[in-house]
Amino acid sequence: MPSFGNLLLFLGAALALNLTPGPDMLYVAARGSSEGRGAGVVSALGIAAGCLVHIAALALGLSALLERVPAAYDAVRLGGAAYLIWLGVRALWRPSALGAVGELERAPLGRIFRQGIVTNVLNPKVALFFLAFLPQFVDPGRGHTVGQLVFLGLLFNTSGTLVNLAVAVAASRATDWLRARQRAARMMQRATGAVFVGLGLKLALSNSK
């Protein structure tokens, strides 16, 4: 268990980082604004599940592999980028799927949850962030190192999930307005697709770790 002072410092830093807009927050906001509160909330929970995978990977040493083997890092990075671009192109190509007059047609929540997981897991920068950030607050003299890493990772994930849930609820308020406006709903769907494509391109073109 980290010291109380280290824990307070970690919580402050984690909250500041989680409040900074990034790909996960943009993904949740896009889902919530175009498909409603349920979709936004489930997206946030999917991202939280994806973070659990990264925490487990850190505990098993897989994050270090991504840092040391450029080919592994690039493969995961490009796979995640392709997935995001595919989601975005599909939304741009078929905007009416979310823009029916009177009621927005939502994707199945199970699919949205899985997409949230995949979007997060296939972003190697998340794994490398955990590798770089969490060990700074670990005190080897206060217990098992891996246990401390997992504990801090869960705290960070909890903080991030609470922030993303708030973003989902706030973004979903636009949905009621969109339901009665077919053209606006289609424009919002295209904007959602553009966000996904932009995130994918940013991930694909980013070579720095």
N, C-alpha and C. Protein backbone atom coordinates (compact mmCIF):
# COMPACT_ATOMS: atom_id res chain seq x y z
N MET A 1 0.84 -1.19 0.00
CA MET A 1 0.00 0.00 0.00
C MET A 1 0.89 1.25 0.00
N PRO A 2 0.69 2.18 -0.96
CA PRO A 2 1.49 3.41 -0.96
C PRO A 2 1.24 4.22 0.31
N SER A 3 2.18 5.10 0.62
CA SER A 3 2.00 5.97 1.78
C SER A 3 0.82 6.91 1.56
N PHE A 4 0.30 7.43 2.66
CA PHE A 4 -0.88 8.32 2.56
C PHE A 4 -0.56 9.56 1.73
N GLY A 5 0.64 10.12 1.92
CA GLY A 5 1.02 11.30 1.15
C GLY A 5 1.11 11.00 -0.33
N ASN A 6 1.74 9.86 -0.66
CA ASN A 6 1.83 9.46 -2.06
C ASN A 6 0.45 9.21 -2.66
N LEU A 7 -0.43 8.65 -1.85
CA LEU A 7 -1.78 8.34 -2.32
C LEU A 7 -2.55 9.61 -2.64
N LEU A 8 -2.44 10.61 -1.77
CA LEU A 8 -3.12 11.89 -2.03
C LEU A 8 -2.55 12.55 -3.28
N LEU A 9 -1.24 12.51 -3.44
CA LEU A 9 -0.62 13.09 -4.63
C LEU A 9 -1.07 12.37 -5.89
N PHE A 10 -1.16 11.05 -5.79
CA PHE A 10 -1.60 10.25 -6.94
C PHE A 10 -3.05 10.59 -7.30
N LEU A 11 -3.92 10.67 -6.32
CA LEU A 11 -5.33 10.96 -6.60
C LEU A 11 -5.49 12.33 -7.25
N GLY A 12 -4.72 13.31 -6.78
CA GLY A 12 -4.79 14.63 -7.38
C GLY A 12 -4.32 14.62 -8.83
N ALA A 13 -3.19 13.94 -9.07
CA ALA A 13 -2.67 13.86 -10.43
C ALA A 13 -3.61 13.07 -11.34
N ALA A 14 -4.18 11.98 -10.82
CA ALA A 14 -5.09 11.16 -11.61
C ALA A 14 -6.33 11.94 -12.01
N LEU A 15 -6.88 12.69 -11.06
CA LEU A 15 -8.09 13.47 -11.37
C LEU A 15 -7.79 14.52 -12.42
N ALA A 16 -6.64 15.20 -12.29
CA ALA A 16 -6.28 16.22 -13.27
C ALA A 16 -6.12 15.60 -14.66
N LEU A 17 -5.49 14.45 -14.73
CA LEU A 17 -5.29 13.79 -16.01
C LEU A 17 -6.60 13.30 -16.60
N ASN A 18 -7.48 12.78 -15.75
CA ASN A 18 -8.75 12.26 -16.23
C ASN A 18 -9.69 13.38 -16.70
N LEU A 19 -9.51 14.58 -16.17
CA LEU A 19 -10.33 15.71 -16.59
C LEU A 19 -9.83 16.34 -17.89
N THR A 20 -8.63 15.95 -18.31
CA THR A 20 -8.07 16.47 -19.56
C THR A 20 -8.69 15.72 -20.73
N PRO A 21 -9.34 16.43 -21.67
CA PRO A 21 -9.98 15.73 -22.80
C PRO A 21 -8.98 14.91 -23.60
N GLY A 22 -9.35 13.69 -23.87
CA GLY A 22 -8.52 12.78 -24.65
C GLY A 22 -9.40 11.88 -25.50
N PRO A 23 -8.81 10.88 -26.17
CA PRO A 23 -9.58 10.00 -27.05
C PRO A 23 -10.75 9.31 -26.36
N ASP A 24 -10.53 8.80 -25.13
CA ASP A 24 -11.62 8.11 -24.45
C ASP A 24 -12.79 9.05 -24.17
N MET A 25 -12.48 10.25 -23.68
CA MET A 25 -13.53 11.20 -23.37
C MET A 25 -14.28 11.62 -24.63
N LEU A 26 -13.54 11.84 -25.72
CA LEU A 26 -14.18 12.21 -26.98
C LEU A 26 -15.07 11.08 -27.50
N TYR A 27 -14.61 9.85 -27.33
CA TYR A 27 -15.41 8.70 -27.76
C TYR A 27 -16.72 8.64 -26.99
N VAL A 28 -16.66 8.80 -25.68
CA VAL A 28 -17.85 8.77 -24.85
C VAL A 28 -18.79 9.92 -25.20
N ALA A 29 -18.23 11.11 -25.38
CA ALA A 29 -19.05 12.27 -25.73
C ALA A 29 -19.75 12.08 -27.07
N ALA A 30 -19.02 11.51 -28.03
CA ALA A 30 -19.62 11.29 -29.35
C ALA A 30 -20.75 10.28 -29.27
N ARG A 31 -20.56 9.21 -28.54
CA ARG A 31 -21.61 8.22 -28.38
C ARG A 31 -22.82 8.80 -27.65
N GLY A 32 -22.54 9.50 -26.56
CA GLY A 32 -23.64 10.05 -25.76
C GLY A 32 -24.45 11.08 -26.51
N SER A 33 -23.79 11.94 -27.28
CA SER A 33 -24.50 13.00 -27.97
C SER A 33 -25.29 12.48 -29.17
N SER A 34 -24.82 11.43 -29.82
CA SER A 34 -25.50 10.95 -31.02
C SER A 34 -26.49 9.83 -30.73
N GLU A 35 -26.27 9.06 -29.64
CA GLU A 35 -27.13 7.90 -29.39
C GLU A 35 -27.81 7.91 -28.03
N GLY A 36 -27.53 8.88 -27.21
CA GLY A 36 -28.25 8.98 -25.94
C GLY A 36 -27.44 8.57 -24.73
N ARG A 37 -28.05 8.78 -23.57
CA ARG A 37 -27.36 8.55 -22.30
C ARG A 37 -26.90 7.11 -22.14
N GLY A 38 -27.79 6.16 -22.47
CA GLY A 38 -27.43 4.75 -22.30
C GLY A 38 -26.19 4.38 -23.08
N ALA A 39 -26.11 4.84 -24.33
CA ALA A 39 -24.95 4.53 -25.17
C ALA A 39 -23.69 5.16 -24.60
N GLY A 40 -23.81 6.40 -24.12
CA GLY A 40 -22.65 7.07 -23.54
C GLY A 40 -22.16 6.38 -22.28
N VAL A 41 -23.11 6.00 -21.42
CA VAL A 41 -22.74 5.32 -20.17
C VAL A 41 -22.09 3.97 -20.46
N VAL A 42 -22.67 3.21 -21.39
CA VAL A 42 -22.12 1.90 -21.72
C VAL A 42 -20.74 2.06 -22.37
N SER A 43 -20.55 3.10 -23.18
CA SER A 43 -19.23 3.36 -23.75
C SER A 43 -18.20 3.61 -22.64
N ALA A 44 -18.58 4.40 -21.65
CA ALA A 44 -17.68 4.67 -20.53
C ALA A 44 -17.33 3.39 -19.78
N LEU A 45 -18.32 2.52 -19.60
CA LEU A 45 -18.06 1.26 -18.90
C LEU A 45 -17.19 0.34 -19.75
N GLY A 46 -17.36 0.38 -21.08
CA GLY A 46 -16.51 -0.41 -21.96
C GLY A 46 -15.06 0.05 -21.87
N ILE A 47 -14.87 1.36 -21.84
CA ILE A 47 -13.51 1.90 -21.71
C ILE A 47 -12.91 1.50 -20.37
N ALA A 48 -13.74 1.51 -19.32
CA ALA A 48 -13.25 1.09 -18.01
C ALA A 48 -12.80 -0.37 -18.04
N ALA A 49 -13.57 -1.21 -18.74
CA ALA A 49 -13.18 -2.62 -18.88
C ALA A 49 -11.88 -2.75 -19.67
N GLY A 50 -11.71 -1.90 -20.69
CA GLY A 50 -10.47 -1.91 -21.45
C GLY A 50 -9.28 -1.53 -20.57
N CYS A 51 -9.49 -0.58 -19.68
CA CYS A 51 -8.40 -0.18 -18.77
C CYS A 51 -8.00 -1.33 -17.85
N LEU A 52 -8.97 -2.17 -17.48
CA LEU A 52 -8.64 -3.33 -16.65
C LEU A 52 -7.67 -4.26 -17.38
N VAL A 53 -7.84 -4.37 -18.70
CA VAL A 53 -6.92 -5.18 -19.50
C VAL A 53 -5.51 -4.58 -19.44
N HIS A 54 -5.42 -3.25 -19.54
CA HIS A 54 -4.11 -2.60 -19.48
C HIS A 54 -3.48 -2.77 -18.10
N ILE A 55 -4.29 -2.70 -17.06
CA ILE A 55 -3.76 -2.88 -15.71
C ILE A 55 -3.21 -4.30 -15.55
N ALA A 56 -3.96 -5.28 -16.05
CA ALA A 56 -3.49 -6.67 -15.99
C ALA A 56 -2.21 -6.83 -16.81
N ALA A 57 -2.16 -6.17 -17.96
CA ALA A 57 -0.96 -6.27 -18.81
C ALA A 57 0.25 -5.68 -18.11
N LEU A 58 0.03 -4.56 -17.41
CA LEU A 58 1.13 -3.95 -16.67
C LEU A 58 1.64 -4.89 -15.59
N ALA A 59 0.70 -5.51 -14.88
CA ALA A 59 1.08 -6.44 -13.82
C ALA A 59 1.85 -7.63 -14.37
N LEU A 60 1.53 -8.04 -15.61
CA LEU A 60 2.19 -9.19 -16.22
C LEU A 60 3.44 -8.82 -17.01
N GLY A 61 3.72 -7.52 -17.11
CA GLY A 61 4.91 -7.09 -17.81
C GLY A 61 4.74 -6.88 -19.30
N LEU A 62 3.50 -6.95 -19.81
CA LEU A 62 3.29 -6.80 -21.25
C LEU A 62 3.49 -5.37 -21.72
N SER A 63 3.23 -4.40 -20.85
CA SER A 63 3.44 -3.01 -21.23
C SER A 63 4.91 -2.74 -21.53
N ALA A 64 5.79 -3.38 -20.76
CA ALA A 64 7.22 -3.22 -21.01
C ALA A 64 7.60 -3.77 -22.38
N LEU A 65 6.90 -4.85 -22.82
CA LEU A 65 7.16 -5.41 -24.14
C LEU A 65 6.82 -4.40 -25.23
N LEU A 66 5.69 -3.70 -25.08
CA LEU A 66 5.31 -2.70 -26.07
C LEU A 66 6.34 -1.58 -26.15
N GLU A 67 6.92 -1.25 -25.01
CA GLU A 67 7.89 -0.17 -25.00
C GLU A 67 9.20 -0.61 -25.65
N ARG A 68 9.57 -1.86 -25.50
CA ARG A 68 10.89 -2.33 -25.95
C ARG A 68 10.87 -2.90 -27.36
N VAL A 69 9.70 -3.31 -27.84
CA VAL A 69 9.61 -3.92 -29.18
C VAL A 69 8.78 -3.02 -30.08
N PRO A 70 9.43 -2.19 -30.91
CA PRO A 70 8.70 -1.25 -31.76
C PRO A 70 7.68 -1.92 -32.66
N ALA A 71 7.98 -3.11 -33.17
CA ALA A 71 7.05 -3.78 -34.08
C ALA A 71 5.75 -4.13 -33.37
N ALA A 72 5.84 -4.56 -32.12
CA ALA A 72 4.62 -4.89 -31.36
C ALA A 72 3.81 -3.63 -31.09
N TYR A 73 4.49 -2.57 -30.74
CA TYR A 73 3.81 -1.30 -30.50
C TYR A 73 3.10 -0.83 -31.77
N ASP A 74 3.80 -0.85 -32.89
CA ASP A 74 3.22 -0.38 -34.15
C ASP A 74 2.04 -1.23 -34.58
N ALA A 75 2.13 -2.53 -34.38
CA ALA A 75 1.04 -3.42 -34.78
C ALA A 75 -0.23 -3.10 -34.00
N VAL A 76 -0.10 -2.91 -32.70
CA VAL A 76 -1.27 -2.60 -31.88
C VAL A 76 -1.80 -1.21 -32.22
N ARG A 77 -0.88 -0.25 -32.40
CA ARG A 77 -1.27 1.12 -32.71
C ARG A 77 -2.06 1.19 -34.03
N LEU A 78 -1.55 0.54 -35.05
CA LEU A 78 -2.21 0.59 -36.35
C LEU A 78 -3.52 -0.19 -36.35
N GLY A 79 -3.56 -1.26 -35.57
CA GLY A 79 -4.82 -2.00 -35.46
C GLY A 79 -5.91 -1.16 -34.81
N GLY A 80 -5.55 -0.46 -33.74
CA GLY A 80 -6.51 0.42 -33.08
C GLY A 80 -6.95 1.56 -33.97
N ALA A 81 -5.99 2.13 -34.72
CA ALA A 81 -6.32 3.23 -35.63
C ALA A 81 -7.28 2.77 -36.72
N ALA A 82 -7.02 1.59 -37.29
CA ALA A 82 -7.89 1.06 -38.34
C ALA A 82 -9.31 0.83 -37.82
N TYR A 83 -9.41 0.35 -36.59
CA TYR A 83 -10.73 0.09 -36.01
C TYR A 83 -11.51 1.38 -35.83
N LEU A 84 -10.87 2.42 -35.31
CA LEU A 84 -11.55 3.70 -35.13
C LEU A 84 -11.97 4.31 -36.46
N ILE A 85 -11.09 4.23 -37.45
CA ILE A 85 -11.42 4.79 -38.76
C ILE A 85 -12.59 4.02 -39.38
N TRP A 86 -12.61 2.72 -39.20
CA TRP A 86 -13.72 1.91 -39.73
C TRP A 86 -15.04 2.33 -39.09
N LEU A 87 -15.05 2.53 -37.77
CA LEU A 87 -16.27 3.00 -37.10
C LEU A 87 -16.69 4.36 -37.65
N GLY A 88 -15.74 5.25 -37.83
CA GLY A 88 -16.05 6.59 -38.30
C GLY A 88 -16.57 6.61 -39.73
N VAL A 89 -15.93 5.84 -40.61
CA VAL A 89 -16.37 5.80 -42.01
C VAL A 89 -17.78 5.22 -42.10
N ARG A 90 -18.06 4.21 -41.31
CA ARG A 90 -19.39 3.62 -41.33
C ARG A 90 -20.45 4.64 -40.88
N ALA A 91 -20.11 5.43 -39.87
CA ALA A 91 -21.05 6.45 -39.41
C ALA A 91 -21.24 7.55 -40.46
N LEU A 92 -20.16 7.92 -41.14
CA LEU A 92 -20.25 8.94 -42.19
C LEU A 92 -21.02 8.43 -43.40
N TRP A 93 -20.86 7.16 -43.70
CA TRP A 93 -21.47 6.59 -44.90
C TRP A 93 -22.96 6.34 -44.71
N ARG A 94 -23.38 6.02 -43.48
CA ARG A 94 -24.78 5.70 -43.22
C ARG A 94 -25.32 6.54 -42.06
N PRO A 95 -25.39 7.85 -42.21
CA PRO A 95 -25.85 8.68 -41.10
C PRO A 95 -27.30 8.45 -40.73
N SER A 96 -28.13 7.99 -41.67
CA SER A 96 -29.54 7.80 -41.37
C SER A 96 -29.78 6.72 -40.33
N ALA A 97 -28.75 5.85 -40.11
CA ALA A 97 -28.92 4.80 -39.12
C ALA A 97 -29.17 5.36 -37.74
N LEU A 98 -28.72 6.59 -37.49
CA LEU A 98 -28.93 7.21 -36.18
C LEU A 98 -29.82 8.43 -36.28
N GLY A 99 -30.44 8.64 -37.43
CA GLY A 99 -31.15 9.89 -37.59
C GLY A 99 -32.59 9.77 -37.98
N ALA A 100 -33.24 8.68 -37.62
CA ALA A 100 -34.65 8.54 -37.97
C ALA A 100 -35.49 9.57 -37.24
N VAL A 101 -36.48 10.12 -37.92
CA VAL A 101 -37.33 11.15 -37.32
C VAL A 101 -38.08 10.55 -36.14
N GLY A 102 -38.10 11.29 -35.05
CA GLY A 102 -38.88 10.91 -33.88
C GLY A 102 -38.12 10.06 -32.90
N GLU A 103 -37.18 9.24 -33.37
CA GLU A 103 -36.44 8.37 -32.45
C GLU A 103 -35.10 8.00 -33.05
N LEU A 104 -34.06 8.22 -32.32
CA LEU A 104 -32.73 7.82 -32.80
C LEU A 104 -32.58 6.33 -32.63
N GLU A 105 -32.20 5.66 -33.70
CA GLU A 105 -31.98 4.22 -33.63
C GLU A 105 -30.61 3.97 -33.00
N ARG A 106 -30.62 3.30 -31.89
CA ARG A 106 -29.37 3.07 -31.16
C ARG A 106 -28.79 1.71 -31.53
N ALA A 107 -27.47 1.64 -31.56
CA ALA A 107 -26.80 0.36 -31.73
C ALA A 107 -27.03 -0.45 -30.46
N PRO A 108 -27.02 -1.78 -30.55
CA PRO A 108 -27.17 -2.61 -29.35
C PRO A 108 -26.12 -2.24 -28.31
N LEU A 109 -26.55 -2.17 -27.05
CA LEU A 109 -25.64 -1.74 -26.00
C LEU A 109 -24.47 -2.70 -25.83
N GLY A 110 -24.72 -3.98 -26.08
CA GLY A 110 -23.62 -4.94 -25.99
C GLY A 110 -22.53 -4.64 -27.00
N ARG A 111 -22.94 -4.26 -28.21
CA ARG A 111 -21.96 -3.92 -29.24
C ARG A 111 -21.20 -2.67 -28.85
N ILE A 112 -21.90 -1.67 -28.32
CA ILE A 112 -21.25 -0.42 -27.91
C ILE A 112 -20.24 -0.70 -26.80
N PHE A 113 -20.61 -1.57 -25.86
CA PHE A 113 -19.71 -1.93 -24.77
C PHE A 113 -18.44 -2.57 -25.32
N ARG A 114 -18.61 -3.51 -26.25
CA ARG A 114 -17.44 -4.19 -26.84
C ARG A 114 -16.58 -3.21 -27.62
N GLN A 115 -17.21 -2.28 -28.32
CA GLN A 115 -16.44 -1.29 -29.08
C GLN A 115 -15.63 -0.40 -28.14
N GLY A 116 -16.21 -0.06 -26.99
CA GLY A 116 -15.47 0.72 -26.00
C GLY A 116 -14.24 -0.02 -25.50
N ILE A 117 -14.39 -1.32 -25.25
CA ILE A 117 -13.25 -2.12 -24.81
C ILE A 117 -12.17 -2.15 -25.88
N VAL A 118 -12.57 -2.46 -27.12
CA VAL A 118 -11.60 -2.60 -28.21
C VAL A 118 -10.89 -1.27 -28.47
N THR A 119 -11.67 -0.17 -28.45
CA THR A 119 -11.08 1.15 -28.69
C THR A 119 -9.99 1.46 -27.67
N ASN A 120 -10.23 1.10 -26.42
CA ASN A 120 -9.25 1.37 -25.37
C ASN A 120 -8.08 0.40 -25.42
N VAL A 121 -8.37 -0.89 -25.58
CA VAL A 121 -7.32 -1.90 -25.56
C VAL A 121 -6.35 -1.72 -26.73
N LEU A 122 -6.87 -1.32 -27.90
CA LEU A 122 -6.02 -1.19 -29.08
C LEU A 122 -5.34 0.17 -29.16
N ASN A 123 -5.28 0.88 -28.06
CA ASN A 123 -4.51 2.12 -27.99
C ASN A 123 -3.30 1.87 -27.11
N PRO A 124 -2.15 1.55 -27.70
CA PRO A 124 -0.98 1.21 -26.89
C PRO A 124 -0.49 2.36 -26.02
N LYS A 125 -0.88 3.58 -26.36
CA LYS A 125 -0.47 4.72 -25.53
C LYS A 125 -1.04 4.61 -24.12
N VAL A 126 -2.20 3.95 -23.98
CA VAL A 126 -2.77 3.76 -22.64
C VAL A 126 -1.87 2.84 -21.84
N ALA A 127 -1.44 1.75 -22.47
CA ALA A 127 -0.53 0.82 -21.78
C ALA A 127 0.77 1.51 -21.38
N LEU A 128 1.33 2.29 -22.29
CA LEU A 128 2.59 2.97 -22.01
C LEU A 128 2.40 4.06 -20.97
N PHE A 129 1.21 4.69 -20.97
CA PHE A 129 0.93 5.69 -19.94
C PHE A 129 0.94 5.04 -18.56
N PHE A 130 0.26 3.90 -18.43
CA PHE A 130 0.26 3.21 -17.14
C PHE A 130 1.68 2.82 -16.74
N LEU A 131 2.46 2.36 -17.72
CA LEU A 131 3.84 1.95 -17.44
C LEU A 131 4.68 3.12 -16.94
N ALA A 132 4.44 4.31 -17.50
CA ALA A 132 5.24 5.47 -17.13
C ALA A 132 4.73 6.15 -15.86
N PHE A 133 3.40 6.15 -15.66
CA PHE A 133 2.80 6.96 -14.61
C PHE A 133 2.69 6.22 -13.27
N LEU A 134 2.13 5.03 -13.28
CA LEU A 134 1.84 4.35 -12.02
C LEU A 134 3.08 4.04 -11.19
N PRO A 135 4.19 3.56 -11.80
CA PRO A 135 5.34 3.22 -10.96
C PRO A 135 5.93 4.40 -10.20
N GLN A 136 5.63 5.63 -10.63
CA GLN A 136 6.16 6.81 -9.93
C GLN A 136 5.62 6.90 -8.50
N PHE A 137 4.51 6.24 -8.23
CA PHE A 137 3.86 6.35 -6.92
C PHE A 137 3.96 5.05 -6.12
N VAL A 138 4.76 4.12 -6.60
CA VAL A 138 4.94 2.85 -5.91
C VAL A 138 6.13 2.95 -4.97
N ASP A 139 5.96 2.46 -3.75
CA ASP A 139 7.04 2.43 -2.76
C ASP A 139 7.38 0.97 -2.47
N PRO A 140 8.49 0.47 -3.03
CA PRO A 140 8.84 -0.95 -2.84
C PRO A 140 8.97 -1.34 -1.37
N GLY A 141 9.22 -0.37 -0.51
CA GLY A 141 9.37 -0.68 0.90
C GLY A 141 8.06 -0.84 1.64
N ARG A 142 6.94 -0.64 0.94
CA ARG A 142 5.64 -0.71 1.61
C ARG A 142 4.76 -1.84 1.07
N GLY A 143 5.39 -2.91 0.63
CA GLY A 143 4.58 -4.04 0.20
C GLY A 143 4.89 -4.47 -1.22
N HIS A 144 4.11 -5.45 -1.68
CA HIS A 144 4.33 -6.05 -3.00
C HIS A 144 4.14 -5.01 -4.10
N THR A 145 5.13 -4.89 -4.97
CA THR A 145 5.10 -3.87 -6.02
C THR A 145 3.93 -4.07 -6.98
N VAL A 146 3.73 -5.31 -7.43
CA VAL A 146 2.64 -5.58 -8.38
C VAL A 146 1.30 -5.26 -7.75
N GLY A 147 1.14 -5.59 -6.47
CA GLY A 147 -0.11 -5.28 -5.77
C GLY A 147 -0.36 -3.79 -5.72
N GLN A 148 0.69 -3.00 -5.47
CA GLN A 148 0.54 -1.55 -5.46
C GLN A 148 0.17 -1.02 -6.85
N LEU A 149 0.80 -1.58 -7.89
CA LEU A 149 0.49 -1.15 -9.26
C LEU A 149 -0.98 -1.41 -9.59
N VAL A 150 -1.46 -2.58 -9.23
CA VAL A 150 -2.87 -2.93 -9.50
C VAL A 150 -3.79 -2.01 -8.72
N PHE A 151 -3.48 -1.76 -7.46
CA PHE A 151 -4.31 -0.89 -6.62
C PHE A 151 -4.38 0.52 -7.20
N LEU A 152 -3.24 1.07 -7.58
CA LEU A 152 -3.21 2.41 -8.15
C LEU A 152 -3.93 2.44 -9.51
N GLY A 153 -3.74 1.40 -10.29
CA GLY A 153 -4.43 1.33 -11.58
C GLY A 153 -5.94 1.33 -11.42
N LEU A 154 -6.44 0.59 -10.42
CA LEU A 154 -7.88 0.55 -10.17
C LEU A 154 -8.39 1.91 -9.70
N LEU A 155 -7.61 2.60 -8.88
CA LEU A 155 -8.00 3.93 -8.44
C LEU A 155 -8.08 4.89 -9.64
N PHE A 156 -7.08 4.83 -10.50
CA PHE A 156 -7.06 5.70 -11.67
C PHE A 156 -8.24 5.38 -12.58
N ASN A 157 -8.53 4.11 -12.76
CA ASN A 157 -9.64 3.70 -13.61
C ASN A 157 -10.97 4.16 -13.03
N THR A 158 -11.10 4.07 -11.72
CA THR A 158 -12.35 4.52 -11.08
C THR A 158 -12.55 6.01 -11.28
N SER A 159 -11.49 6.79 -11.09
CA SER A 159 -11.57 8.23 -11.30
C SER A 159 -11.94 8.55 -12.74
N GLY A 160 -11.28 7.89 -13.68
CA GLY A 160 -11.56 8.14 -15.09
C GLY A 160 -12.97 7.75 -15.48
N THR A 161 -13.46 6.64 -14.92
CA THR A 161 -14.81 6.19 -15.25
C THR A 161 -15.85 7.17 -14.74
N LEU A 162 -15.66 7.70 -13.54
CA LEU A 162 -16.60 8.69 -13.00
C LEU A 162 -16.64 9.93 -13.88
N VAL A 163 -15.47 10.37 -14.34
CA VAL A 163 -15.43 11.53 -15.23
C VAL A 163 -16.14 11.22 -16.55
N ASN A 164 -15.87 10.05 -17.12
CA ASN A 164 -16.50 9.69 -18.39
C ASN A 164 -18.01 9.51 -18.26
N LEU A 165 -18.46 9.01 -17.13
CA LEU A 165 -19.90 8.89 -16.91
C LEU A 165 -20.56 10.27 -16.87
N ALA A 166 -19.90 11.22 -16.23
CA ALA A 166 -20.43 12.58 -16.20
C ALA A 166 -20.46 13.18 -17.60
N VAL A 167 -19.43 12.91 -18.40
CA VAL A 167 -19.40 13.38 -19.78
C VAL A 167 -20.53 12.76 -20.59
N ALA A 168 -20.78 11.46 -20.37
CA ALA A 168 -21.84 10.77 -21.10
C ALA A 168 -23.21 11.38 -20.81
N VAL A 169 -23.46 11.66 -19.54
CA VAL A 169 -24.76 12.25 -19.16
C VAL A 169 -24.90 13.65 -19.74
N ALA A 170 -23.83 14.44 -19.66
CA ALA A 170 -23.89 15.80 -20.19
C ALA A 170 -24.08 15.81 -21.71
N ALA A 171 -23.37 14.94 -22.39
CA ALA A 171 -23.46 14.91 -23.86
C ALA A 171 -24.80 14.41 -24.34
N SER A 172 -25.41 13.50 -23.55
CA SER A 172 -26.67 12.90 -23.99
C SER A 172 -27.84 13.88 -23.99
N ARG A 173 -27.70 15.01 -23.33
CA ARG A 173 -28.80 15.97 -23.28
C ARG A 173 -29.13 16.53 -24.66
N ALA A 174 -28.17 16.44 -25.57
CA ALA A 174 -28.44 16.89 -26.94
C ALA A 174 -29.36 15.93 -27.69
N THR A 175 -29.48 14.69 -27.19
CA THR A 175 -30.24 13.68 -27.91
C THR A 175 -31.72 14.03 -28.01
N ASP A 176 -32.30 14.51 -26.92
CA ASP A 176 -33.73 14.85 -26.95
C ASP A 176 -34.03 15.88 -28.02
N TRP A 177 -33.13 16.85 -28.17
CA TRP A 177 -33.30 17.88 -29.19
C TRP A 177 -33.18 17.29 -30.59
N LEU A 178 -32.28 16.31 -30.73
CA LEU A 178 -32.04 15.72 -32.05
C LEU A 178 -33.17 14.81 -32.51
N ARG A 179 -33.89 14.21 -31.57
CA ARG A 179 -34.91 13.23 -31.95
C ARG A 179 -35.96 13.82 -32.89
N ALA A 180 -36.27 15.07 -32.71
CA ALA A 180 -37.32 15.69 -33.52
C ALA A 180 -36.77 16.39 -34.75
N ARG A 181 -35.49 16.27 -35.00
CA ARG A 181 -34.87 17.01 -36.09
C ARG A 181 -33.98 16.06 -36.91
N GLN A 182 -34.55 15.54 -37.98
CA GLN A 182 -33.85 14.55 -38.78
C GLN A 182 -32.53 15.08 -39.33
N ARG A 183 -32.54 16.27 -39.91
CA ARG A 183 -31.32 16.81 -40.51
C ARG A 183 -30.24 17.02 -39.46
N ALA A 184 -30.63 17.57 -38.32
CA ALA A 184 -29.65 17.80 -37.25
C ALA A 184 -29.08 16.48 -36.75
N ALA A 185 -29.94 15.46 -36.65
CA ALA A 185 -29.49 14.16 -36.18
C ALA A 185 -28.46 13.56 -37.13
N ARG A 186 -28.70 13.70 -38.44
CA ARG A 186 -27.75 13.19 -39.40
C ARG A 186 -26.43 13.95 -39.35
N MET A 187 -26.52 15.25 -39.15
CA MET A 187 -25.30 16.04 -39.02
C MET A 187 -24.51 15.61 -37.79
N MET A 188 -25.20 15.34 -36.69
CA MET A 188 -24.53 14.90 -35.47
C MET A 188 -23.87 13.55 -35.69
N GLN A 189 -24.57 12.67 -36.42
CA GLN A 189 -23.98 11.37 -36.70
C GLN A 189 -22.71 11.52 -37.54
N ARG A 190 -22.75 12.42 -38.52
CA ARG A 190 -21.55 12.65 -39.33
C ARG A 190 -20.43 13.24 -38.47
N ALA A 191 -20.80 14.12 -37.54
CA ALA A 191 -19.79 14.68 -36.64
C ALA A 191 -19.17 13.58 -35.78
N THR A 192 -20.00 12.64 -35.32
CA THR A 192 -19.50 11.51 -34.55
C THR A 192 -18.52 10.69 -35.38
N GLY A 193 -18.90 10.43 -36.64
CA GLY A 193 -18.02 9.69 -37.53
C GLY A 193 -16.71 10.41 -37.75
N ALA A 194 -16.78 11.73 -37.91
CA ALA A 194 -15.57 12.52 -38.12
C ALA A 194 -14.65 12.45 -36.90
N VAL A 195 -15.24 12.45 -35.70
CA VAL A 195 -14.44 12.33 -34.47
C VAL A 195 -13.69 11.01 -34.47
N PHE A 196 -14.39 9.92 -34.81
CA PHE A 196 -13.76 8.61 -34.81
C PHE A 196 -12.64 8.54 -35.84
N VAL A 197 -12.90 9.06 -37.05
CA VAL A 197 -11.87 9.05 -38.09
C VAL A 197 -10.66 9.88 -37.65
N GLY A 198 -10.94 11.05 -37.06
CA GLY A 198 -9.86 11.91 -36.58
C GLY A 198 -9.02 11.24 -35.51
N LEU A 199 -9.68 10.55 -34.57
CA LEU A 199 -8.94 9.84 -33.53
C LEU A 199 -8.09 8.74 -34.13
N GLY A 200 -8.66 8.02 -35.11
CA GLY A 200 -7.91 6.95 -35.75
C GLY A 200 -6.69 7.46 -36.50
N LEU A 201 -6.87 8.55 -37.24
CA LEU A 201 -5.75 9.12 -37.98
C LEU A 201 -4.67 9.64 -37.04
N LYS A 202 -5.10 10.28 -35.94
CA LYS A 202 -4.12 10.78 -34.97
C LYS A 202 -3.30 9.64 -34.39
N LEU A 203 -3.96 8.52 -34.09
CA LEU A 203 -3.25 7.37 -33.53
C LEU A 203 -2.33 6.75 -34.57
N ALA A 204 -2.82 6.66 -35.82
CA ALA A 204 -2.02 6.06 -36.89
C ALA A 204 -0.78 6.87 -37.23
N LEU A 205 -0.91 8.20 -37.18
CA LEU A 205 0.20 9.06 -37.60
C LEU A 205 1.13 9.44 -36.47
N SER A 206 0.80 9.02 -35.26
CA SER A 206 1.64 9.35 -34.11
C SER A 206 2.70 8.27 -33.95
N ASN A 207 3.95 8.68 -34.11
CA ASN A 207 5.06 7.74 -34.00
C ASN A 207 5.75 7.79 -32.65
N SER A 208 5.46 8.87 -31.91
CA SER A 208 6.15 9.02 -30.62
C SER A 208 5.46 8.19 -29.57
N LYS A 209 6.25 7.67 -28.66
CA LYS A 209 5.72 6.88 -27.55
C LYS A 209 5.65 7.72 -26.29
